[in-house]
PDB file of all heavy atoms in Angstrom:
ATOM      1  N   GLN A   1       7.654   9.904  -4.741  1.00  0.00           N
ATOM      2  CA  GLN A   1       6.880   9.607  -5.959  1.00  0.00           C
ATOM      3  C   GLN A   1       6.837   8.110  -6.209  1.00  0.00           C
ATOM      4  O   GLN A   1       5.812   7.589  -6.622  1.00  0.00           O
ATOM      5  CB  GLN A   1       7.618  10.298  -7.157  1.00  0.00           C
ATOM      6  CG  GLN A   1       6.843  10.177  -8.507  1.00  0.00           C
ATOM      7  CD  GLN A   1       5.439  10.736  -8.511  1.00  0.00           C
ATOM      8  OE1 GLN A   1       5.273  11.944  -8.275  1.00  0.00           O
ATOM      9  NE2 GLN A   1       4.476   9.882  -8.687  1.00  0.00           N
ATOM     10  N   ALA A   2       7.888   7.409  -5.956  1.00  0.00           N
ATOM     11  CA  ALA A   2       7.891   5.966  -6.052  1.00  0.00           C
ATOM     12  C   ALA A   2       6.948   5.264  -5.175  1.00  0.00           C
ATOM     13  O   ALA A   2       6.313   4.288  -5.599  1.00  0.00           O
ATOM     14  CB  ALA A   2       9.315   5.408  -5.970  1.00  0.00           C
ATOM     15  N   VAL A   3       6.948   5.754  -3.965  1.00  0.00           N
ATOM     16  CA  VAL A   3       5.966   5.200  -2.987  1.00  0.00           C
ATOM     17  C   VAL A   3       4.558   5.433  -3.321  1.00  0.00           C
ATOM     18  O   VAL A   3       3.755   4.532  -3.250  1.00  0.00           O
ATOM     19  CB  VAL A   3       6.293   5.794  -1.506  1.00  0.00           C
ATOM     20  CG1 VAL A   3       5.209   5.458  -0.572  1.00  0.00           C
ATOM     21  CG2 VAL A   3       7.614   5.314  -1.080  1.00  0.00           C
ATOM     22  N   MET A   4       4.315   6.695  -3.852  1.00  0.00           N
ATOM     23  CA  MET A   4       2.911   7.004  -4.364  1.00  0.00           C
ATOM     24  C   MET A   4       2.507   6.092  -5.447  1.00  0.00           C
ATOM     25  O   MET A   4       1.383   5.579  -5.504  1.00  0.00           O
ATOM     26  CB  MET A   4       2.942   8.470  -4.716  1.00  0.00           C
ATOM     27  CG  MET A   4       1.519   8.861  -5.179  1.00  0.00           C
ATOM     28  SD  MET A   4       1.454  10.652  -5.554  1.00  0.00           S
ATOM     29  CE  MET A   4      -0.233  10.829  -6.229  1.00  0.00           C
ATOM     30  N   ASP A   5       3.437   5.819  -6.445  1.00  0.00           N
ATOM     31  CA  ASP A   5       3.164   4.893  -7.525  1.00  0.00           C
ATOM     32  C   ASP A   5       2.787   3.536  -6.982  1.00  0.00           C
ATOM     33  O   ASP A   5       1.912   2.875  -7.523  1.00  0.00           O
ATOM     34  CB  ASP A   5       4.370   4.873  -8.477  1.00  0.00           C
ATOM     35  CG  ASP A   5       4.554   6.164  -9.197  1.00  0.00           C
ATOM     36  OD1 ASP A   5       3.576   7.046  -9.339  1.00  0.00           O
ATOM     37  OD2 ASP A   5       5.700   6.336  -9.748  1.00  0.00           O
ATOM     38  N   LYS A   6       3.534   3.050  -5.988  1.00  0.00           N
ATOM     39  CA  LYS A   6       3.384   1.789  -5.456  1.00  0.00           C
ATOM     40  C   LYS A   6       2.009   1.703  -4.666  1.00  0.00           C
ATOM     41  O   LYS A   6       1.238   0.696  -4.907  1.00  0.00           O
ATOM     42  CB  LYS A   6       4.421   1.361  -4.475  1.00  0.00           C
ATOM     43  CG  LYS A   6       4.447  -0.058  -4.012  1.00  0.00           C
ATOM     44  CD  LYS A   6       4.530  -1.080  -5.102  1.00  0.00           C
ATOM     45  CE  LYS A   6       4.506  -2.528  -4.648  1.00  0.00           C
ATOM     46  NZ  LYS A   6       5.825  -2.914  -3.997  1.00  0.00           N
ATOM     47  N   LEU A   7       1.593   2.746  -3.938  1.00  0.00           N
ATOM     48  CA  LEU A   7       0.398   2.727  -3.186  1.00  0.00           C
ATOM     49  C   LEU A   7      -0.811   2.719  -4.024  1.00  0.00           C
ATOM     50  O   LEU A   7      -1.890   2.367  -3.595  1.00  0.00           O
ATOM     51  CB  LEU A   7       0.343   3.851  -2.171  1.00  0.00           C
ATOM     52  CG  LEU A   7       1.314   3.754  -0.991  1.00  0.00           C
ATOM     53  CD1 LEU A   7       1.349   5.097  -0.218  1.00  0.00           C
ATOM     54  CD2 LEU A   7       0.916   2.655  -0.098  1.00  0.00           C
ATOM     55  N   THR A   8      -0.629   3.257  -5.277  1.00  0.00           N
ATOM     56  CA  THR A   8      -1.839   3.468  -6.147  1.00  0.00           C
ATOM     57  C   THR A   8      -1.879   2.311  -7.196  1.00  0.00           C
ATOM     58  O   THR A   8      -2.663   2.427  -8.109  1.00  0.00           O
ATOM     59  CB  THR A   8      -1.863   4.810  -6.866  1.00  0.00           C
ATOM     60  OG1 THR A   8      -0.546   5.039  -7.493  1.00  0.00           O
ATOM     61  CG2 THR A   8      -1.951   5.866  -5.804  1.00  0.00           C
ATOM     62  N   SER A   9      -0.998   1.343  -7.096  1.00  0.00           N
ATOM     63  CA  SER A   9      -1.043   0.219  -8.049  1.00  0.00           C
ATOM     64  C   SER A   9      -2.003  -0.828  -7.694  1.00  0.00           C
ATOM     65  O   SER A   9      -2.232  -1.050  -6.425  1.00  0.00           O
ATOM     66  CB  SER A   9       0.477  -0.382  -8.173  1.00  0.00           C
ATOM     67  OG  SER A   9       0.778  -1.092  -6.952  1.00  0.00           O
ATOM     68  N   PRO A  10      -2.579  -1.513  -8.604  1.00  0.00           N
ATOM     69  CA  PRO A  10      -3.497  -2.566  -8.301  1.00  0.00           C
ATOM     70  C   PRO A  10      -2.934  -3.754  -7.413  1.00  0.00           C
ATOM     71  O   PRO A  10      -3.613  -4.354  -6.650  1.00  0.00           O
ATOM     72  CB  PRO A  10      -3.865  -3.208  -9.712  1.00  0.00           C
ATOM     73  CG  PRO A  10      -3.629  -2.054 -10.580  1.00  0.00           C
ATOM     74  CD  PRO A  10      -2.384  -1.372 -10.137  1.00  0.00           C
ATOM     75  N   ALA A  11      -1.641  -3.897  -7.490  1.00  0.00           N
ATOM     76  CA  ALA A  11      -0.915  -4.941  -6.701  1.00  0.00           C
ATOM     77  C   ALA A  11      -0.962  -4.712  -5.269  1.00  0.00           C
ATOM     78  O   ALA A  11      -0.768  -5.569  -4.415  1.00  0.00           O
ATOM     79  CB  ALA A  11       0.520  -5.148  -7.243  1.00  0.00           C
ATOM     80  N   ILE A  12      -1.294  -3.462  -4.822  1.00  0.00           N
ATOM     81  CA  ILE A  12      -1.231  -3.071  -3.441  1.00  0.00           C
ATOM     82  C   ILE A  12      -2.494  -3.559  -2.752  1.00  0.00           C
ATOM     83  O   ILE A  12      -2.503  -3.616  -1.425  1.00  0.00           O
ATOM     84  CB  ILE A  12      -1.023  -1.570  -3.321  1.00  0.00           C
ATOM     85  CG1 ILE A  12      -0.311  -1.292  -2.043  1.00  0.00           C
ATOM     86  CG2 ILE A  12      -2.352  -0.821  -3.320  1.00  0.00           C
ATOM     87  CD1 ILE A  12       1.080  -1.714  -1.910  1.00  0.00           C
ATOM     88  N   ILE A  13      -3.615  -3.856  -3.447  1.00  0.00           N
ATOM     89  CA  ILE A  13      -4.848  -4.150  -2.824  1.00  0.00           C
ATOM     90  C   ILE A  13      -4.846  -5.223  -1.797  1.00  0.00           C
ATOM     91  O   ILE A  13      -5.331  -5.012  -0.618  1.00  0.00           O
ATOM     92  CB  ILE A  13      -5.970  -4.352  -3.911  1.00  0.00           C
ATOM     93  CG1 ILE A  13      -6.178  -3.128  -4.735  1.00  0.00           C
ATOM     94  CG2 ILE A  13      -7.208  -4.811  -3.210  1.00  0.00           C
ATOM     95  CD1 ILE A  13      -7.126  -3.399  -5.846  1.00  0.00           C
ATOM     96  N   PRO A  14      -4.261  -6.373  -2.047  1.00  0.00           N
ATOM     97  CA  PRO A  14      -4.118  -7.371  -1.068  1.00  0.00           C
ATOM     98  C   PRO A  14      -3.350  -6.967   0.136  1.00  0.00           C
ATOM     99  O   PRO A  14      -3.510  -7.578   1.154  1.00  0.00           O
ATOM    100  CB  PRO A  14      -3.525  -8.605  -1.812  1.00  0.00           C
ATOM    101  CG  PRO A  14      -3.743  -8.278  -3.177  1.00  0.00           C
ATOM    102  CD  PRO A  14      -3.598  -6.750  -3.373  1.00  0.00           C
ATOM    103  N   ARG A  15      -2.465  -6.021  -0.057  1.00  0.00           N
ATOM    104  CA  ARG A  15      -1.624  -5.645   1.119  1.00  0.00           C
ATOM    105  C   ARG A  15      -2.241  -4.527   2.001  1.00  0.00           C
ATOM    106  O   ARG A  15      -1.622  -4.231   3.116  1.00  0.00           O
ATOM    107  CB  ARG A  15      -0.238  -5.084   0.621  1.00  0.00           C
ATOM    108  CG  ARG A  15       0.506  -6.180  -0.095  1.00  0.00           C
ATOM    109  CD  ARG A  15       1.884  -5.555  -0.616  1.00  0.00           C
ATOM    110  NE  ARG A  15       2.782  -6.579  -1.207  1.00  0.00           N
ATOM    111  CZ  ARG A  15       3.699  -7.209  -0.549  1.00  0.00           C
ATOM    112  NH1 ARG A  15       3.785  -7.042   0.748  1.00  0.00           N
ATOM    113  NH2 ARG A  15       4.445  -8.171  -1.084  1.00  0.00           N
ATOM    114  N   ILE A  16      -3.387  -4.042   1.681  1.00  0.00           N
ATOM    115  CA  ILE A  16      -3.914  -2.842   2.436  1.00  0.00           C
ATOM    116  C   ILE A  16      -4.106  -3.183   3.972  1.00  0.00           C
ATOM    117  O   ILE A  16      -3.610  -2.281   4.779  1.00  0.00           O
ATOM    118  CB  ILE A  16      -5.202  -2.410   1.728  1.00  0.00           C
ATOM    119  CG1 ILE A  16      -4.907  -1.781   0.410  1.00  0.00           C
ATOM    120  CG2 ILE A  16      -5.937  -1.489   2.623  1.00  0.00           C
ATOM    121  CD1 ILE A  16      -6.127  -1.288  -0.382  1.00  0.00           C
ATOM    122  N   PRO A  17      -4.644  -4.259   4.333  1.00  0.00           N
ATOM    123  CA  PRO A  17      -4.830  -4.468   5.791  1.00  0.00           C
ATOM    124  C   PRO A  17      -3.394  -4.459   6.548  1.00  0.00           C
ATOM    125  O   PRO A  17      -3.271  -3.854   7.680  1.00  0.00           O
ATOM    126  CB  PRO A  17      -5.438  -5.813   5.857  1.00  0.00           C
ATOM    127  CG  PRO A  17      -6.122  -6.015   4.526  1.00  0.00           C
ATOM    128  CD  PRO A  17      -5.323  -5.387   3.512  1.00  0.00           C
ATOM    129  N   ALA A  18      -2.496  -5.176   5.929  1.00  0.00           N
ATOM    130  CA  ALA A  18      -1.138  -5.236   6.516  1.00  0.00           C
ATOM    131  C   ALA A  18      -0.484  -3.859   6.590  1.00  0.00           C
ATOM    132  O   ALA A  18       0.212  -3.367   7.532  1.00  0.00           O
ATOM    133  CB  ALA A  18      -0.214  -6.173   5.772  1.00  0.00           C
ATOM    134  N   ILE A  19      -0.710  -3.055   5.488  1.00  0.00           N
ATOM    135  CA  ILE A  19      -0.086  -1.713   5.434  1.00  0.00           C
ATOM    136  C   ILE A  19      -0.682  -0.814   6.535  1.00  0.00           C
ATOM    137  O   ILE A  19       0.069  -0.171   7.281  1.00  0.00           O
ATOM    138  CB  ILE A  19      -0.315  -1.083   4.043  1.00  0.00           C
ATOM    139  CG1 ILE A  19       0.472  -1.896   3.002  1.00  0.00           C
ATOM    140  CG2 ILE A  19       0.117   0.395   4.014  1.00  0.00           C
ATOM    141  CD1 ILE A  19       0.115  -1.502   1.567  1.00  0.00           C
ATOM    142  N   VAL A  20      -1.907  -0.779   6.563  1.00  0.00           N
ATOM    143  CA  VAL A  20      -2.675   0.048   7.596  1.00  0.00           C
ATOM    144  C   VAL A  20      -2.242  -0.394   8.970  1.00  0.00           C
ATOM    145  O   VAL A  20      -1.932   0.551   9.942  1.00  0.00           O
ATOM    146  CB  VAL A  20      -4.236  -0.085   7.436  1.00  0.00           C
ATOM    147  CG1 VAL A  20      -4.869   0.658   8.586  1.00  0.00           C
ATOM    148  CG2 VAL A  20      -4.546   0.525   6.145  1.00  0.00           C
ATOM    149  N   LYS A  21      -2.130  -1.673   9.311  1.00  0.00           N
ATOM    150  CA  LYS A  21      -1.700  -2.206  10.568  1.00  0.00           C
ATOM    151  C   LYS A  21      -0.269  -1.761  10.825  1.00  0.00           C
ATOM    152  O   LYS A  21       0.024  -1.227  12.010  1.00  0.00           O
ATOM    153  CB  LYS A  21      -1.843  -3.718  10.621  1.00  0.00           C
ATOM    154  CG  LYS A  21      -1.405  -4.311  11.975  1.00  0.00           C
ATOM    155  CD  LYS A  21      -1.510  -5.815  11.874  1.00  0.00           C
ATOM    156  CE  LYS A  21      -1.036  -6.474  13.235  1.00  0.00           C
ATOM    157  NZ  LYS A  21      -1.007  -7.948  13.129  1.00  0.00           N
ATOM    158  N   GLU A  22       0.598  -1.825   9.966  1.00  0.00           N
ATOM    159  CA  GLU A  22       2.044  -1.443  10.101  1.00  0.00           C
ATOM    160  C   GLU A  22       2.193   0.037  10.295  1.00  0.00           C
ATOM    161  O   GLU A  22       2.921   0.413  11.165  1.00  0.00           O
ATOM    162  CB  GLU A  22       2.869  -1.860   8.943  1.00  0.00           C
ATOM    163  CG  GLU A  22       4.330  -1.910   9.187  1.00  0.00           C
ATOM    164  CD  GLU A  22       4.735  -2.817  10.338  1.00  0.00           C
ATOM    165  OE1 GLU A  22       4.637  -4.079  10.142  1.00  0.00           O
ATOM    166  OE2 GLU A  22       5.129  -2.321  11.349  1.00  0.00           O
ATOM    167  N   VAL A  23       1.346   0.793   9.550  1.00  0.00           N
ATOM    168  CA  VAL A  23       1.480   2.246   9.708  1.00  0.00           C
ATOM    169  C   VAL A  23       1.010   2.710  11.096  1.00  0.00           C
ATOM    170  O   VAL A  23       1.682   3.538  11.710  1.00  0.00           O
ATOM    171  CB  VAL A  23       0.691   2.926   8.623  1.00  0.00           C
ATOM    172  CG1 VAL A  23       0.453   4.426   8.927  1.00  0.00           C
ATOM    173  CG2 VAL A  23       1.289   2.807   7.201  1.00  0.00           C
ATOM    174  N   ILE A  24      -0.154   2.156  11.571  1.00  0.00           N
ATOM    175  CA  ILE A  24      -0.660   2.487  12.790  1.00  0.00           C
ATOM    176  C   ILE A  24       0.362   2.210  13.954  1.00  0.00           C
ATOM    177  O   ILE A  24       0.480   2.989  14.887  1.00  0.00           O
ATOM    178  CB  ILE A  24      -2.024   1.880  12.995  1.00  0.00           C
ATOM    179  CG1 ILE A  24      -3.015   2.366  11.996  1.00  0.00           C
ATOM    180  CG2 ILE A  24      -2.461   2.042  14.480  1.00  0.00           C
ATOM    181  CD1 ILE A  24      -3.301   3.820  12.163  1.00  0.00           C
TER     182      ILE A  24
END
C-alpha cells in the first residue's frame, strides 16, 4: 500500500523513466 501511494504521488513523475528502466 505504501509503494502504491508512492507510485501514484505527483513527486514520482520525474522518476518514471528511471523506474521503468530499473524495473525492466
